[in-house]
Protein backbone atom coordinates (compact mmCIF):
# COMPACT_ATOMS: atom_id res chain seq x y z
CA MET A 1 -26.21 -19.11 46.67
CA ASN A 2 -24.77 -21.98 48.63
CA ILE A 3 -26.28 -22.11 52.07
CA ILE A 4 -24.07 -22.83 55.08
CA LYS A 5 -26.16 -25.17 57.14
CA HIS A 6 -23.92 -25.38 60.19
CA SER A 7 -21.01 -23.66 61.91
CA LEU A 8 -18.59 -26.32 63.07
CA VAL A 9 -16.45 -25.77 66.14
CA VAL A 10 -13.55 -28.20 66.32
CA LEU A 11 -10.82 -27.84 68.92
CA GLY A 12 -11.49 -24.13 69.22
CA MET A 13 -11.28 -23.44 65.48
CA ILE A 14 -14.11 -22.50 63.17
CA VAL A 15 -14.00 -24.76 60.14
CA ALA A 16 -15.67 -23.13 57.12
CA PRO A 17 -16.77 -25.04 54.03
CA ALA A 18 -14.48 -25.27 51.03
CA PHE A 19 -16.90 -23.21 48.94
CA ALA A 20 -16.16 -20.00 50.87
CA ALA A 21 -16.13 -16.77 48.89
CA GLY A 22 -12.97 -15.37 47.24
CA GLN A 23 -10.20 -13.92 49.32
CA VAL A 24 -10.40 -10.39 50.70
CA SER A 25 -7.17 -8.56 51.60
CA ILE A 26 -6.84 -6.38 54.69
CA SER A 27 -3.76 -4.24 55.30
CA ILE A 28 -3.13 -2.60 58.68
CA ASP A 29 -0.59 0.18 59.16
CA ALA A 30 0.43 -0.16 62.81
CA GLY A 31 3.14 2.46 62.34
CA LYS A 32 0.65 5.30 61.80
CA PRO A 33 -1.75 5.19 64.75
CA GLY A 34 -4.86 7.32 64.58
CA PRO A 35 -7.09 8.81 67.30
CA VAL A 36 -7.85 6.96 70.51
CA ILE A 37 -11.20 5.16 70.51
CA ASN A 38 -12.69 6.67 73.65
CA LYS A 39 -14.01 3.99 75.98
CA TYR A 40 -17.24 6.03 76.22
CA VAL A 41 -18.06 4.90 72.68
CA TYR A 42 -19.18 1.69 74.43
CA GLY A 43 -21.57 3.52 76.77
CA GLN A 44 -24.97 2.26 77.88
CA PHE A 45 -28.36 3.85 78.41
CA ALA A 46 -30.86 3.03 81.16
CA GLU A 47 -34.26 4.73 81.07
CA HIS A 48 -37.33 4.33 83.24
CA LEU A 49 -39.31 2.37 80.64
CA GLY A 50 -41.19 -0.86 81.26
CA THR A 51 -38.89 -3.25 83.10
CA GLY A 52 -35.72 -1.50 81.95
CA ILE A 53 -35.12 -0.40 85.54
CA TYR A 54 -37.71 -1.93 87.84
CA GLY A 55 -37.57 -5.71 87.79
CA GLY A 56 -34.95 -5.83 85.08
CA MET A 57 -32.20 -4.22 87.14
CA TRP A 58 -33.70 -2.99 90.40
CA VAL A 59 -35.74 -5.34 92.60
CA GLY A 60 -35.35 -3.60 95.95
CA PRO A 61 -33.36 -4.75 98.98
CA LYS A 62 -36.22 -6.92 100.29
CA SER A 63 -36.54 -9.00 97.11
CA ASN A 64 -35.95 -12.76 97.11
CA ILE A 65 -33.85 -12.21 93.98
CA PRO A 66 -30.25 -11.84 95.20
CA ASN A 67 -29.35 -8.18 95.18
CA THR A 68 -27.03 -5.56 96.58
CA ARG A 69 -28.78 -2.45 97.85
CA GLY A 70 -31.68 -3.33 95.54
CA TRP A 71 -29.71 -3.94 92.33
CA ARG A 72 -29.82 -7.49 90.96
CA ASN A 73 -26.52 -9.29 91.52
CA ASP A 74 -26.82 -11.35 88.33
CA VAL A 75 -27.44 -8.32 86.11
CA VAL A 76 -24.75 -6.20 87.73
CA GLY A 77 -22.26 -9.06 87.49
CA ALA A 78 -23.00 -9.56 83.80
CA LEU A 79 -22.67 -5.84 83.07
CA LYS A 80 -19.37 -5.63 84.94
CA ALA A 81 -17.99 -8.22 82.52
CA LEU A 82 -18.64 -5.71 79.72
CA HIS A 83 -16.48 -3.10 81.50
CA VAL A 84 -19.35 -0.65 81.06
CA PRO A 85 -17.60 2.73 80.88
CA LEU A 86 -20.59 5.08 81.09
CA VAL A 87 -24.31 4.95 81.88
CA ARG A 88 -26.84 7.56 80.73
CA TRP A 89 -29.82 8.11 83.06
CA PRO A 90 -32.76 8.81 83.70
CA GLY A 91 -33.75 9.26 80.01
CA GLY A 92 -34.63 9.72 77.19
CA CYS A 93 -38.05 11.28 77.00
CA PHE A 94 -38.48 10.32 80.65
CA ALA A 95 -35.77 12.83 81.58
CA ASP A 96 -37.97 15.76 80.59
CA THR A 97 -40.72 14.69 82.97
CA TYR A 98 -38.41 13.71 85.83
CA HIS A 99 -38.19 15.84 88.98
CA TRP A 100 -35.12 14.83 90.92
CA ARG A 101 -36.47 15.73 94.38
CA ASP A 102 -39.09 12.96 93.93
CA GLY A 103 -36.22 10.45 93.98
CA VAL A 104 -34.30 11.42 97.12
CA GLY A 105 -34.95 10.89 100.80
CA PRO A 106 -36.61 7.88 102.46
CA GLN A 107 -38.01 5.57 99.80
CA ASP A 108 -41.27 4.97 101.61
CA LYS A 109 -41.99 8.70 101.55
CA ARG A 110 -41.25 9.31 97.90
CA PRO A 111 -44.24 10.20 95.72
CA HIS A 112 -45.57 7.93 93.00
CA ASN A 113 -46.00 9.47 89.55
CA VAL A 114 -47.49 8.37 86.26
CA ASN A 115 -44.76 7.55 83.73
CA GLY A 116 -45.65 7.60 80.03
CA GLY A 117 -49.33 8.15 80.68
CA SER A 118 -50.09 4.78 82.29
CA VAL A 119 -47.12 3.32 84.18
CA ASP A 120 -46.67 3.80 87.91
CA GLU A 121 -43.28 5.42 88.62
CA ILE A 122 -42.47 4.57 92.22
CA ASN A 123 -39.30 6.68 92.38
CA ALA A 124 -37.45 3.94 94.25
CA VAL A 125 -34.51 4.51 91.93
CA GLY A 126 -33.34 8.07 92.25
CA THR A 127 -30.04 9.91 92.40
CA HIS A 128 -28.46 7.91 95.23
CA GLU A 129 -29.56 4.55 93.86
CA PHE A 130 -28.26 5.43 90.39
CA PHE A 131 -24.85 6.27 91.79
CA ASP A 132 -24.90 3.00 93.74
CA LEU A 133 -25.22 1.27 90.36
CA ILE A 134 -22.43 3.42 88.91
CA ASP A 135 -20.14 2.47 91.80
CA MET A 136 -20.95 -1.24 91.45
CA LEU A 137 -20.20 -1.18 87.73
CA GLY A 138 -17.09 0.97 88.07
CA ALA A 139 -18.63 3.21 85.40
CA ASP A 140 -18.98 6.96 84.94
CA ALA A 141 -22.26 8.85 85.05
CA TYR A 142 -24.07 10.74 82.31
CA VAL A 143 -27.12 12.46 83.81
CA ASN A 144 -29.86 14.09 81.72
CA GLY A 145 -31.60 17.14 83.15
CA ASN A 146 -35.23 18.18 82.77
CA VAL A 147 -35.86 21.13 80.44
CA GLY A 148 -39.28 20.04 79.18
CA THR A 149 -41.22 20.25 82.47
CA GLY A 150 -38.49 21.55 84.74
CA SER A 151 -36.92 24.91 85.49
CA VAL A 152 -33.53 26.55 85.62
CA GLN A 153 -33.73 26.53 89.41
CA GLU A 154 -34.56 22.81 89.57
CA MET A 155 -31.70 21.83 87.27
CA SER A 156 -29.26 24.14 89.02
CA ASP A 157 -30.22 22.65 92.39
CA TRP A 158 -29.78 19.09 91.11
CA VAL A 159 -26.28 19.72 89.80
CA GLU A 160 -25.37 21.40 93.08
CA TYR A 161 -26.91 18.52 95.06
CA MET A 162 -24.79 15.99 93.17
CA THR A 163 -21.48 17.85 92.97
CA ALA A 164 -21.17 20.42 95.76
CA ASP A 165 -18.79 20.17 98.69
CA GLY A 166 -19.94 20.04 102.29
CA GLY A 167 -20.67 23.72 102.94
CA SER A 168 -23.56 24.00 100.50
CA PRO A 169 -27.12 23.62 101.86
CA LEU A 170 -27.85 21.10 99.11
CA ALA A 171 -24.65 19.22 99.93
CA ARG A 172 -25.82 19.03 103.53
CA LEU A 173 -29.17 17.67 102.30
CA ARG A 174 -27.29 15.06 100.28
CA ALA A 175 -25.36 14.08 103.41
CA ARG A 176 -28.58 13.75 105.43
CA ASN A 177 -29.83 11.46 102.65
CA GLY A 178 -26.83 9.20 103.13
CA HIS A 179 -23.97 10.45 100.95
CA ALA A 180 -21.63 13.00 102.48
CA LYS A 181 -19.14 13.04 99.62
CA PRO A 182 -20.05 14.64 96.29
CA PHE A 183 -21.01 12.41 93.40
CA LYS A 184 -18.89 12.49 90.26
CA VAL A 185 -20.90 13.38 87.15
CA ALA A 186 -18.85 12.91 83.99
CA TYR A 187 -21.48 14.39 81.64
CA PHE A 188 -24.66 16.36 82.19
CA GLY A 189 -27.20 16.80 79.38
CA ILE A 190 -29.45 19.85 79.18
CA GLY A 191 -32.68 18.30 77.94
CA ASN A 192 -33.37 15.50 75.48
CA GLU A 193 -34.84 15.53 71.95
CA MET A 194 -35.87 19.14 72.30
CA TRP A 195 -37.19 19.01 68.74
CA GLY A 196 -39.78 16.44 69.91
CA CYS A 197 -40.67 14.91 73.26
CA GLY A 198 -38.39 17.32 75.12
CA GLY A 199 -40.39 20.38 74.17
CA ASN A 200 -41.09 20.53 70.41
CA VAL A 201 -39.04 23.72 70.05
CA LYS A 202 -36.89 25.24 67.33
CA PRO A 203 -33.08 25.12 67.47
CA ASP A 204 -32.64 28.88 67.94
CA TYR A 205 -35.04 28.88 70.86
CA TYR A 206 -33.30 25.88 72.42
CA ALA A 207 -29.90 27.57 72.01
CA ASN A 208 -31.22 30.44 74.14
CA LEU A 209 -32.69 28.01 76.67
CA TYR A 210 -29.42 26.10 76.83
CA SER A 211 -27.41 29.26 77.48
CA ASN A 212 -29.81 30.25 80.25
CA TYR A 213 -29.71 26.82 81.92
CA GLU A 214 -25.97 26.35 81.50
CA THR A 215 -25.25 29.74 83.10
CA PHE A 216 -26.83 28.69 86.38
CA LEU A 217 -25.43 25.15 86.69
CA ARG A 218 -23.36 25.39 89.84
CA ALA A 219 -20.58 22.88 90.43
CA PRO A 220 -17.12 23.17 91.97
CA LYS A 221 -14.43 23.73 89.37
CA HIS A 222 -12.74 20.43 90.27
CA ASN A 223 -16.00 18.49 90.01
CA LYS A 224 -17.80 20.14 87.11
CA PRO A 225 -19.49 17.86 84.58
CA LYS A 226 -18.98 18.26 80.87
CA ILE A 227 -22.19 19.76 79.50
CA ILE A 228 -23.99 18.31 76.46
CA ALA A 229 -26.56 20.05 74.27
CA SER A 230 -29.56 18.20 72.85
CA GLY A 231 -29.33 18.18 69.06
CA GLY A 232 -31.33 16.87 66.13
CA ASP A 233 -30.68 17.03 62.41
CA THR A 234 -27.84 18.96 60.77
CA THR A 235 -29.81 22.20 61.03
CA TRP A 236 -29.73 21.82 64.79
CA THR A 237 -26.03 21.01 64.72
CA GLY A 238 -25.42 24.12 62.62
CA VAL A 239 -27.29 26.44 64.98
CA LEU A 240 -25.92 24.93 68.18
CA SER A 241 -22.30 24.75 67.02
CA LYS A 242 -22.45 28.47 66.18
CA GLU A 243 -24.38 29.67 69.20
CA LEU A 244 -22.91 27.46 71.93
CA LYS A 245 -19.19 27.51 71.13
CA GLY A 246 -17.29 27.57 74.40
CA ARG A 247 -20.40 26.55 76.35
CA THR A 248 -20.81 22.91 75.39
CA THR A 249 -18.66 19.79 75.20
CA GLY A 250 -20.88 18.05 72.70
CA ILE A 251 -24.07 17.97 70.69
CA SER A 252 -26.17 14.82 70.89
CA ILE A 253 -27.95 13.06 68.04
CA HIS A 254 -30.10 9.93 67.96
CA GLN A 255 -30.22 7.32 65.22
CA TYR A 256 -32.21 4.09 65.35
CA THR A 257 -32.05 1.19 62.91
CA ILE A 258 -35.23 -0.33 61.50
CA ALA A 259 -35.70 -3.30 59.19
CA GLY A 260 -38.32 -1.75 56.93
CA ALA A 261 -38.39 1.25 54.63
CA THR A 262 -40.41 3.51 56.92
CA TRP A 263 -40.93 4.08 60.62
CA GLU A 264 -44.42 2.58 60.26
CA THR A 265 -42.95 -0.63 58.78
CA LYS A 266 -40.08 -1.26 61.15
CA GLY A 267 -40.01 -5.04 60.66
CA ALA A 268 -39.98 -7.90 63.14
CA ALA A 269 -37.36 -8.81 65.74
CA LEU A 270 -37.63 -12.55 64.94
CA GLY A 271 -38.89 -14.75 62.12
CA PHE A 272 -37.81 -12.28 59.46
CA LYS A 273 -36.87 -13.13 55.89
CA GLU A 274 -33.53 -12.41 54.23
CA ASP A 275 -34.87 -9.17 52.72
CA GLU A 276 -35.24 -7.78 56.26
CA TRP A 277 -31.76 -9.07 57.15
CA ILE A 278 -30.11 -7.05 54.39
CA SER A 279 -32.38 -4.02 54.81
CA THR A 280 -31.54 -3.82 58.51
CA LEU A 281 -27.80 -3.94 57.85
CA ALA A 282 -28.10 -1.46 54.99
CA ASN A 283 -30.12 0.88 57.18
CA THR A 284 -27.62 0.76 60.04
CA LEU A 285 -24.74 1.54 57.66
CA LYS A 286 -26.46 4.85 56.86
CA ILE A 287 -25.22 6.22 60.16
CA ASP A 288 -21.80 6.66 58.56
CA GLN A 289 -23.09 9.29 56.13
CA ILE A 290 -25.23 10.85 58.87
CA ILE A 291 -22.13 11.28 61.02
CA LYS A 292 -20.19 12.70 58.08
CA ASP A 293 -22.95 15.22 57.41
CA HIS A 294 -22.92 16.42 61.02
CA LEU A 295 -19.12 16.50 61.15
CA ALA A 296 -19.01 18.63 57.99
CA VAL A 297 -21.13 21.20 59.83
CA LEU A 298 -18.97 20.94 62.96
CA ASP A 299 -15.76 21.26 60.96
CA LYS A 300 -17.09 24.49 59.43
CA ASN A 301 -18.32 26.07 62.67
CA ASP A 302 -15.87 24.49 65.10
CA PRO A 303 -12.55 23.95 63.28
CA GLU A 304 -10.76 23.77 66.63
CA LYS A 305 -12.72 20.56 67.28
CA LYS A 306 -13.84 21.54 70.76
CA ILE A 307 -17.35 20.14 70.26
CA GLY A 308 -17.92 16.40 70.02
CA LEU A 309 -20.76 14.56 68.30
CA MET A 310 -22.45 12.44 70.97
CA ILE A 311 -24.66 9.63 69.65
CA ASP A 312 -26.43 8.98 72.91
CA GLU A 313 -29.25 6.84 71.52
CA TRP A 314 -28.68 4.22 68.83
CA GLY A 315 -29.66 0.63 68.14
CA THR A 316 -32.44 -1.44 66.59
CA TRP A 317 -36.15 -0.72 66.96
CA TYR A 318 -38.61 -3.30 65.66
CA ALA A 319 -42.36 -3.36 65.15
CA ASP A 320 -43.03 -6.03 67.74
CA ALA A 321 -41.69 -3.91 70.57
CA ASP A 322 -44.42 -3.76 73.20
CA ALA A 323 -45.40 -0.12 72.84
CA SER A 324 -48.78 -0.67 74.56
CA ASN A 325 -47.24 0.17 77.93
CA SER A 326 -44.13 2.01 76.69
CA ALA A 327 -42.09 -1.07 77.58
CA LEU A 328 -40.38 -1.32 74.15
CA TYR A 329 -39.38 -4.89 74.96
CA GLN A 330 -38.08 -6.87 72.00
CA GLN A 331 -36.05 -10.00 71.39
CA ASN A 332 -32.45 -9.77 70.25
CA SER A 333 -30.86 -11.96 67.60
CA LEU A 334 -27.60 -12.56 65.74
CA ARG A 335 -28.70 -9.79 63.36
CA ASP A 336 -28.55 -7.32 66.26
CA ALA A 337 -25.00 -8.38 67.07
CA LEU A 338 -23.97 -7.58 63.50
CA VAL A 339 -25.75 -4.23 63.74
CA ALA A 340 -23.78 -3.43 66.90
CA ALA A 341 -20.45 -4.45 65.35
CA LEU A 342 -21.05 -2.46 62.16
CA ASN A 343 -21.81 0.60 64.26
CA PHE A 344 -18.67 0.07 66.33
CA HIS A 345 -16.57 0.09 63.17
CA ILE A 346 -18.15 3.34 62.03
CA PHE A 347 -17.66 4.95 65.43
CA HIS A 348 -14.00 3.86 65.38
CA GLU A 349 -13.60 5.47 61.95
CA HIS A 350 -14.77 8.78 63.42
CA ALA A 351 -13.00 8.42 66.77
CA GLY A 352 -11.48 11.89 66.58
CA ARG A 353 -14.88 13.59 66.67
CA VAL A 354 -17.22 10.98 68.19
CA PRO A 355 -16.06 10.60 71.80
CA MET A 356 -19.20 9.02 73.24
CA THR A 357 -22.19 6.90 72.28
CA THR A 358 -24.79 5.08 74.39
CA ILE A 359 -26.84 2.21 73.00
CA ALA A 360 -30.55 2.03 73.75
CA GLN A 361 -30.76 0.24 76.11
CA MET A 362 -29.15 -1.88 78.83
CA VAL A 363 -31.91 -4.26 79.98
CA ASN A 364 -35.33 -5.29 78.57
CA VAL A 365 -35.72 -2.25 76.28
CA LEU A 366 -34.98 -2.14 72.53
CA GLN A 367 -31.49 -3.48 71.67
CA ALA A 368 -30.76 -4.71 75.16
CA MET A 369 -27.69 -6.44 76.56
CA ILE A 370 -29.79 -8.49 78.96
CA LEU A 371 -33.36 -9.80 79.15
CA THR A 372 -35.00 -10.77 82.44
CA ASP A 373 -38.19 -12.48 83.56
CA LYS A 374 -38.61 -12.36 87.33
CA GLU A 375 -35.61 -14.30 88.70
CA LYS A 376 -34.44 -15.45 85.24
CA MET A 377 -31.80 -13.67 83.17
CA VAL A 378 -30.47 -14.23 79.66
CA LEU A 379 -27.59 -12.61 77.77
CA THR A 380 -28.30 -11.45 74.23
CA PRO A 381 -26.14 -11.62 71.08
CA THR A 382 -25.66 -7.85 71.44
CA TYR A 383 -24.25 -8.46 74.91
CA TYR A 384 -21.67 -10.80 73.42
CA ALA A 385 -20.77 -8.27 70.72
CA PHE A 386 -20.03 -5.67 73.39
CA GLN A 387 -18.01 -8.23 75.35
CA MET A 388 -15.93 -9.20 72.32
CA TYR A 389 -15.09 -5.54 71.60
CA VAL A 390 -13.88 -4.68 75.12
CA PRO A 391 -10.22 -4.48 73.90
CA PHE A 392 -11.19 -1.52 71.70
CA GLN A 393 -12.00 0.65 74.71
CA ASP A 394 -9.34 3.41 74.85
CA ALA A 395 -7.37 1.61 72.12
CA ARG A 396 -5.44 3.52 69.47
CA SER A 397 -7.18 3.20 66.11
CA LEU A 398 -5.05 1.96 63.22
CA PRO A 399 -5.42 2.74 59.51
CA LEU A 400 -6.92 -0.19 57.66
CA ALA A 401 -7.47 -0.80 53.95
CA ILE A 402 -9.71 -3.47 52.43
CA ARG A 403 -8.97 -4.66 48.90
CA ASP A 404 -11.04 -7.00 46.74
CA ASN A 405 -13.93 -6.81 49.16
CA THR A 406 -16.92 -8.99 48.46
CA SER A 407 -20.40 -7.60 48.00
CA TYR A 408 -23.58 -8.98 49.48
CA THR A 409 -26.54 -8.46 47.19
CA LEU A 410 -30.21 -9.33 47.47
CA GLY A 411 -32.67 -7.85 45.02
CA ALA A 412 -31.92 -4.16 44.58
CA SER A 413 -29.85 -3.95 47.77
CA THR A 414 -26.07 -4.28 47.88
CA ILE A 415 -23.78 -3.74 50.87
CA PRO A 416 -20.11 -4.52 51.48
CA GLY A 417 -19.53 -8.15 52.33
CA VAL A 418 -16.78 -7.51 54.87
CA SER A 419 -16.46 -4.72 57.42
CA ALA A 420 -13.30 -4.40 59.52
CA SER A 421 -11.65 -2.28 62.18
CA ALA A 422 -8.22 -2.46 63.82
CA ALA A 423 -6.61 -0.90 66.87
CA ARG A 424 -3.67 -1.32 69.22
CA ALA A 425 -5.15 -1.94 72.64
CA ARG A 426 -3.82 -0.93 76.01
CA ASP A 427 -2.34 -4.41 76.42
CA GLY A 428 -0.06 -3.66 73.46
CA LYS A 429 -1.68 -6.12 71.07
CA VAL A 430 -3.19 -5.34 67.68
CA TYR A 431 -6.85 -6.36 67.55
CA LEU A 432 -8.76 -6.93 64.34
CA ALA A 433 -12.56 -6.98 64.23
CA LEU A 434 -14.38 -8.48 61.26
CA VAL A 435 -18.02 -8.71 60.18
CA ASN A 436 -19.26 -10.91 57.35
CA THR A 437 -22.66 -9.54 56.38
CA ASP A 438 -23.50 -12.34 53.94
CA PRO A 439 -25.82 -14.84 55.63
CA SER A 440 -24.92 -17.66 53.23
CA ARG A 441 -21.26 -17.45 52.25
CA ALA A 442 -18.09 -17.64 54.32
CA VAL A 443 -15.14 -15.50 53.24
CA ASP A 444 -11.35 -15.86 53.36
CA VAL A 445 -9.53 -12.77 54.62
CA ALA A 446 -5.80 -12.33 54.10
CA VAL A 447 -4.32 -10.11 56.84
CA ASN A 448 -1.15 -8.08 56.56
CA VAL A 449 0.35 -5.72 59.15
CA ALA A 450 2.90 -3.39 57.58
CA GLY A 451 6.43 -4.05 58.78
CA THR A 452 5.41 -7.07 60.87
CA ARG A 453 5.28 -10.79 60.24
CA VAL A 454 2.01 -11.92 61.75
CA LYS A 455 2.25 -15.42 63.19
CA GLY A 456 -1.39 -16.07 63.95
CA ALA A 457 -4.64 -14.85 65.44
CA THR A 458 -6.71 -15.89 68.44
CA GLY A 459 -10.06 -14.65 69.63
CA LYS A 460 -13.80 -15.22 69.43
CA VAL A 461 -16.40 -15.59 66.70
CA LEU A 462 -20.16 -15.20 67.02
CA THR A 463 -22.33 -16.91 64.41
CA SER A 464 -25.15 -19.41 64.02
CA ALA A 465 -27.05 -21.39 61.41
CA ALA A 466 -30.15 -19.19 61.73
CA MET A 467 -30.28 -15.49 60.90
CA ASP A 468 -32.54 -14.89 63.89
CA ALA A 469 -30.66 -17.12 66.35
CA HIS A 470 -31.40 -15.85 69.84
CA ASN A 471 -31.30 -16.88 73.48
CA THR A 472 -34.42 -17.58 75.51
CA PHE A 473 -35.12 -18.30 79.15
CA GLN A 474 -35.70 -21.92 78.17
CA ASN A 475 -32.52 -22.09 76.07
CA PRO A 476 -30.22 -19.33 77.34
CA GLN A 477 -27.11 -20.51 75.51
CA ALA A 478 -28.48 -21.12 72.03
CA ILE A 479 -25.99 -18.58 70.66
CA LYS A 480 -22.75 -17.44 72.22
CA PRO A 481 -19.17 -16.80 71.03
CA ALA A 482 -16.88 -19.69 70.16
CA ALA A 483 -13.09 -19.70 70.42
CA PHE A 484 -11.23 -19.07 67.19
CA SER A 485 -7.59 -19.43 66.16
CA ALA A 486 -5.62 -19.34 62.93
CA ARG A 487 -1.91 -19.83 62.18
CA ALA A 488 0.12 -18.16 59.46
CA ALA A 489 1.48 -20.36 56.68
CA SER A 490 4.70 -19.31 54.95
CA GLY A 491 4.38 -15.92 56.59
CA ASN A 492 0.83 -15.38 55.33
CA LEU A 493 -2.18 -15.19 57.63
CA SER A 494 -5.56 -16.13 56.24
CA ILE A 495 -8.68 -15.97 58.40
CA LYS A 496 -11.82 -17.80 57.34
CA VAL A 497 -14.84 -15.83 58.54
CA PRO A 498 -18.10 -17.79 58.60
CA ALA A 499 -21.29 -16.48 57.06
CA LYS A 500 -23.26 -13.95 59.14
CA ALA A 501 -20.52 -13.60 61.72
CA VAL A 502 -18.83 -11.17 64.06
CA MET A 503 -15.19 -11.90 64.90
CA VAL A 504 -12.59 -10.19 67.09
CA VAL A 505 -9.04 -11.53 67.19
CA ALA A 506 -5.71 -10.51 68.66
CA LEU A 507 -2.90 -10.74 66.10
CA GLU A 508 0.27 -12.52 67.19
CA GLU A 509 3.27 -10.50 66.02
């Protein structure tokens, strides 16, 4: 293989070497729009793990780090630039040990608990603080309730506390705690990973639990959250889609990407070889078949398509995550940006049945958008992938066909060389997203939009010379998107996509 040593940026255009791979053809049918790509597909997840909340996002109102009501201004500002549509909180496995009354009332009187067996949970961030964050971001809320160590009464009270109008005793308590108006909860999840950390139960038993809990969730009709069931494998989806029809908006599943062949050999976040590059991308592409398997079950049991598949934990998980204190902190490289983009394309493909996903997680945990160290903050390649794909939020998906696609092969592994997705955004423009999975070869892509003469393309490209290019506190801008533009020649648009790159462009019609 020829190795691309550098990515050259000249006057806003990426210049690829002359030895780029053969041309790939992409055809977009803008006249036959598909389902809307729900903005919630770009949701985020914030759990009380390590410095995912405390320090990473919340520093308290008395901190020397600039903040608003305790939330870091730099982190909130960066997240607002992603147009974060939805935030899931408080977990995760943490949700099924969380008692909401510990997190309301005066902060200096809230109890301290042990989180994850060894970490002090100070309960400074509770219901009111979470909704402060939601308001600052302009996002919607997805709250997970406690089935594992909670009760029907506790969960019922929490939903009433958040959503009830002024006459309710719990609404009056909410007002005394500083918020007279009800909170808006877009989604409420009954438990988390009930097959494991949420209770280690069987799907039939959980279906009964869910029905019991859901019956007693009290919320005004005009302010009632959409309720989500905690799923697992396709057996769980089969049981829940039969038993909970009419009682649930969606069934959640979780799917993490590792670099190795087994959970015990997850691979490293940095310093990896090319075999772990291709294995990571190949592993993340498996989510497409996983989704198809679940949707086949849903289509059988729920042909009216009333139940959505909610992928409310996804992302990369590497072996050097700091599991010693449940922090799960790991670095984030260009490889992670490609993982994110490949997942986006798959979610877009299933937009009609996958209305929401939340990546794990926002800050300092697993595939994070942002890393912090005391007053320092750095944006990750995954952050930039989310930023580049903002136009796809609530965009109308467009049919796309790839012909003469390249293949990327290493050893016994082969994956498609180019992945693509197209949509017409709310601004009226057609956006095309491209991923070149090959770390060594650039590729020429010919773009055609049926019935339209495309004049050019402008947007951003994210790439680097190193497979594990990443930003650090010492060098926070080692990798970031560069401007890209291309002009049609004789009515034909050809886009040169660098090796190991993510690209999003608006097509000029």
